[in-house]
Amino acid sequence: FDELKKAEPLLKKIAPMTFEKRGGGVDIGPMMREGIPGMSLQTDDKGKYFYYHHSHSDTADKVDPKDLNQCVASIALSILLYADLPFELLNREKYEKHGTR
């Protein structure tokens, strides 16, 4: 996690976001509990995300192009950072949780 925090200035050039050690929900939470790294974008949209989320109205015309571009850039940066992390760092929490190395 500390390695990701070091790259936060790059993330902030894209949008006012930070790397947080939380998230997961029902989509990726079970994998994260097994030590697989996960990430979620935290939005500050005043709750509008859930007006349409997973409904028949959840269509591309509701997306602000600037927000979409920032999300894509943030995910791309996160993927790049995760891809360069040593395996041991990615699984440290799982090893500590299960008491193995």
C-alpha atoms as a PDB file:
ATOM      1  CA  PHE A   1       0.000   0.000   0.000  1.00  0.00           C
ATOM      2  CA  ASP A   2       2.832   2.381   0.816  1.00  0.00           C
ATOM      3  CA  GLU A   3       4.179   1.897  -2.705  1.00  0.00           C
ATOM      4  CA  LEU A   4       0.867   3.058  -4.164  1.00  0.00           C
ATOM      5  CA  LYS A   5       0.723   6.083  -1.863  1.00  0.00           C
ATOM      6  CA  LYS A   6       4.078   7.221  -3.273  1.00  0.00           C
ATOM      7  CA  ALA A   7       2.404   7.589  -6.680  1.00  0.00           C
ATOM      8  CA  GLU A   8      -0.488   9.652  -5.351  1.00  0.00           C
ATOM      9  CA  PRO A   9       0.895  12.937  -6.774  1.00  0.00           C
ATOM     10  CA  LEU A  10       0.485  11.416 -10.255  1.00  0.00           C
ATOM     11  CA  LEU A  11      -3.081  10.444  -9.478  1.00  0.00           C
ATOM     12  CA  LYS A  12      -3.872  13.948  -8.228  1.00  0.00           C
ATOM     13  CA  LYS A  13      -2.765  15.378 -11.600  1.00  0.00           C
ATOM     14  CA  ILE A  14      -5.651  13.427 -13.142  1.00  0.00           C
ATOM     15  CA  ALA A  15      -8.334  14.226 -10.578  1.00  0.00           C
ATOM     16  CA  PRO A  16      -8.623  15.012  -6.858  1.00  0.00           C
ATOM     17  CA  MET A  17      -8.368  11.351  -5.795  1.00  0.00           C
ATOM     18  CA  THR A  18      -6.348   9.366  -3.313  1.00  0.00           C
ATOM     19  CA  PHE A  19      -5.425   5.732  -2.822  1.00  0.00           C
ATOM     20  CA  GLU A  20      -7.367   4.395   0.139  1.00  0.00           C
ATOM     21  CA  LYS A  21      -7.082   1.083   1.941  1.00  0.00           C
ATOM     22  CA  ARG A  22     -10.765   0.250   1.786  1.00  0.00           C
ATOM     23  CA  GLY A  23     -13.520  -0.617  -0.610  1.00  0.00           C
ATOM     24  CA  GLY A  24     -14.416  -3.808  -2.340  1.00  0.00           C
ATOM     25  CA  GLY A  25     -18.107  -4.263  -1.877  1.00  0.00           C
ATOM     26  CA  VAL A  26     -19.866  -7.306  -3.274  1.00  0.00           C
ATOM     27  CA  ASP A  27     -18.066  -7.125  -6.626  1.00  0.00           C
ATOM     28  CA  ILE A  28     -14.463  -7.603  -5.556  1.00  0.00           C
ATOM     29  CA  GLY A  29     -14.608  -7.868  -1.745  1.00  0.00           C
ATOM     30  CA  PRO A  30     -14.327 -11.678  -1.629  1.00  0.00           C
ATOM     31  CA  MET A  31     -11.184 -11.616  -3.789  1.00  0.00           C
ATOM     32  CA  MET A  32      -9.659  -8.822  -1.714  1.00  0.00           C
ATOM     33  CA  ARG A  33     -10.223 -10.833   1.466  1.00  0.00           C
ATOM     34  CA  GLU A  34      -8.104 -13.588  -0.086  1.00  0.00           C
ATOM     35  CA  GLY A  35      -5.210 -11.177  -0.666  1.00  0.00           C
ATOM     36  CA  ILE A  36      -5.850 -10.200  -4.271  1.00  0.00           C
ATOM     37  CA  PRO A  37      -5.286  -6.453  -4.623  1.00  0.00           C
ATOM     38  CA  GLY A  38      -8.366  -4.457  -5.483  1.00  0.00           C
ATOM     39  CA  MET A  39      -9.301  -0.871  -6.045  1.00  0.00           C
ATOM     40  CA  SER A  40     -12.386   1.270  -6.244  1.00  0.00           C
ATOM     41  CA  LEU A  41     -12.781   4.767  -7.548  1.00  0.00           C
ATOM     42  CA  GLN A  42     -14.337   6.984  -4.936  1.00  0.00           C
ATOM     43  CA  THR A  43     -16.565   9.566  -6.551  1.00  0.00           C
ATOM     44  CA  ASP A  44     -17.743  12.902  -5.233  1.00  0.00           C
ATOM     45  CA  ASP A  45     -20.873  13.171  -7.307  1.00  0.00           C
ATOM     46  CA  LYS A  46     -23.262  14.097  -4.494  1.00  0.00           C
ATOM     47  CA  GLY A  47     -24.868  10.661  -4.747  1.00  0.00           C
ATOM     48  CA  LYS A  48     -25.902  10.931  -8.406  1.00  0.00           C
ATOM     49  CA  TYR A  49     -24.061   7.707  -9.281  1.00  0.00           C
ATOM     50  CA  PHE A  50     -26.740   5.646  -7.597  1.00  0.00           C
ATOM     51  CA  TYR A  51     -29.614   7.481  -9.347  1.00  0.00           C
ATOM     52  CA  TYR A  52     -28.935   5.304 -12.395  1.00  0.00           C
ATOM     53  CA  HIS A  53     -26.602   2.518 -11.238  1.00  0.00           C
ATOM     54  CA  HIS A  54     -27.737  -0.916 -12.476  1.00  0.00           C
ATOM     55  CA  SER A  55     -31.077   0.377 -13.735  1.00  0.00           C
ATOM     56  CA  HIS A  56     -32.673   0.602 -17.182  1.00  0.00           C
ATOM     57  CA  SER A  57     -31.650   4.268 -17.167  1.00  0.00           C
ATOM     58  CA  ASP A  58     -27.965   3.359 -16.701  1.00  0.00           C
ATOM     59  CA  THR A  59     -26.948   4.460 -20.214  1.00  0.00           C
ATOM     60  CA  ALA A  60     -23.953   6.232 -21.758  1.00  0.00           C
ATOM     61  CA  ASP A  61     -25.807   9.536 -22.152  1.00  0.00           C
ATOM     62  CA  LYS A  62     -25.721   9.982 -18.352  1.00  0.00           C
ATOM     63  CA  VAL A  63     -21.901   9.986 -18.291  1.00  0.00           C
ATOM     64  CA  ASP A  64     -19.998  13.255 -18.117  1.00  0.00           C
ATOM     65  CA  PRO A  65     -17.170  12.866 -20.693  1.00  0.00           C
ATOM     66  CA  LYS A  66     -14.676  14.638 -18.408  1.00  0.00           C
ATOM     67  CA  ASP A  67     -15.512  12.276 -15.524  1.00  0.00           C
ATOM     68  CA  LEU A  68     -15.174   9.261 -17.817  1.00  0.00           C
ATOM     69  CA  ASN A  69     -11.768  10.423 -19.062  1.00  0.00           C
ATOM     70  CA  GLN A  70     -10.556  10.961 -15.496  1.00  0.00           C
ATOM     71  CA  CYS A  71     -11.771   7.504 -14.452  1.00  0.00           C
ATOM     72  CA  VAL A  72     -10.094   5.807 -17.419  1.00  0.00           C
ATOM     73  CA  ALA A  73      -6.813   7.629 -16.750  1.00  0.00           C
ATOM     74  CA  SER A  74      -6.971   6.769 -13.029  1.00  0.00           C
ATOM     75  CA  ILE A  75      -7.609   3.093 -13.726  1.00  0.00           C
ATOM     76  CA  ALA A  76      -4.791   3.017 -16.301  1.00  0.00           C
ATOM     77  CA  LEU A  77      -2.372   4.537 -13.775  1.00  0.00           C
ATOM     78  CA  SER A  78      -3.476   2.069 -11.095  1.00  0.00           C
ATOM     79  CA  ILE A  79      -3.013  -0.899 -13.437  1.00  0.00           C
ATOM     80  CA  LEU A  80       0.476   0.305 -14.322  1.00  0.00           C
ATOM     81  CA  LEU A  81       1.373   0.641 -10.642  1.00  0.00           C
ATOM     82  CA  TYR A  82      -0.035  -2.774  -9.711  1.00  0.00           C
ATOM     83  CA  ALA A  83       1.742  -4.415 -12.652  1.00  0.00           C
ATOM     84  CA  ASP A  84       5.109  -3.187 -11.382  1.00  0.00           C
ATOM     85  CA  LEU A  85       4.665  -4.215  -7.736  1.00  0.00           C
ATOM     86  CA  PRO A  86       6.703  -7.202  -6.555  1.00  0.00           C
ATOM     87  CA  PHE A  87       4.621 -10.327  -5.947  1.00  0.00           C
ATOM     88  CA  GLU A  88       5.524 -10.311  -2.277  1.00  0.00           C
ATOM     89  CA  LEU A  89       3.990  -6.871  -1.805  1.00  0.00           C
ATOM     90  CA  LEU A  90       0.772  -7.883  -3.509  1.00  0.00           C
ATOM     91  CA  ASN A  91       0.255 -10.824  -1.181  1.00  0.00           C
ATOM     92  CA  ARG A  92       1.741  -9.547   2.082  1.00  0.00           C
ATOM     93  CA  GLU A  93      -1.642  -9.106   3.757  1.00  0.00           C
ATOM     94  CA  LYS A  94      -2.748 -12.613   2.782  1.00  0.00           C
ATOM     95  CA  TYR A  95       0.493 -14.088   4.132  1.00  0.00           C
ATOM     96  CA  GLU A  96       0.092 -12.193   7.391  1.00  0.00           C
ATOM     97  CA  LYS A  97      -3.589 -13.151   7.648  1.00  0.00           C
ATOM     98  CA  HIS A  98      -2.874 -16.859   7.187  1.00  0.00           C
ATOM     99  CA  GLY A  99       0.447 -16.876   9.054  1.00  0.00           C
ATOM    100  CA  THR A 100       2.519 -18.151   6.114  1.00  0.00           C
ATOM    101  CA  ARG A 101       5.403 -16.742   4.073  1.00  0.00           C
END
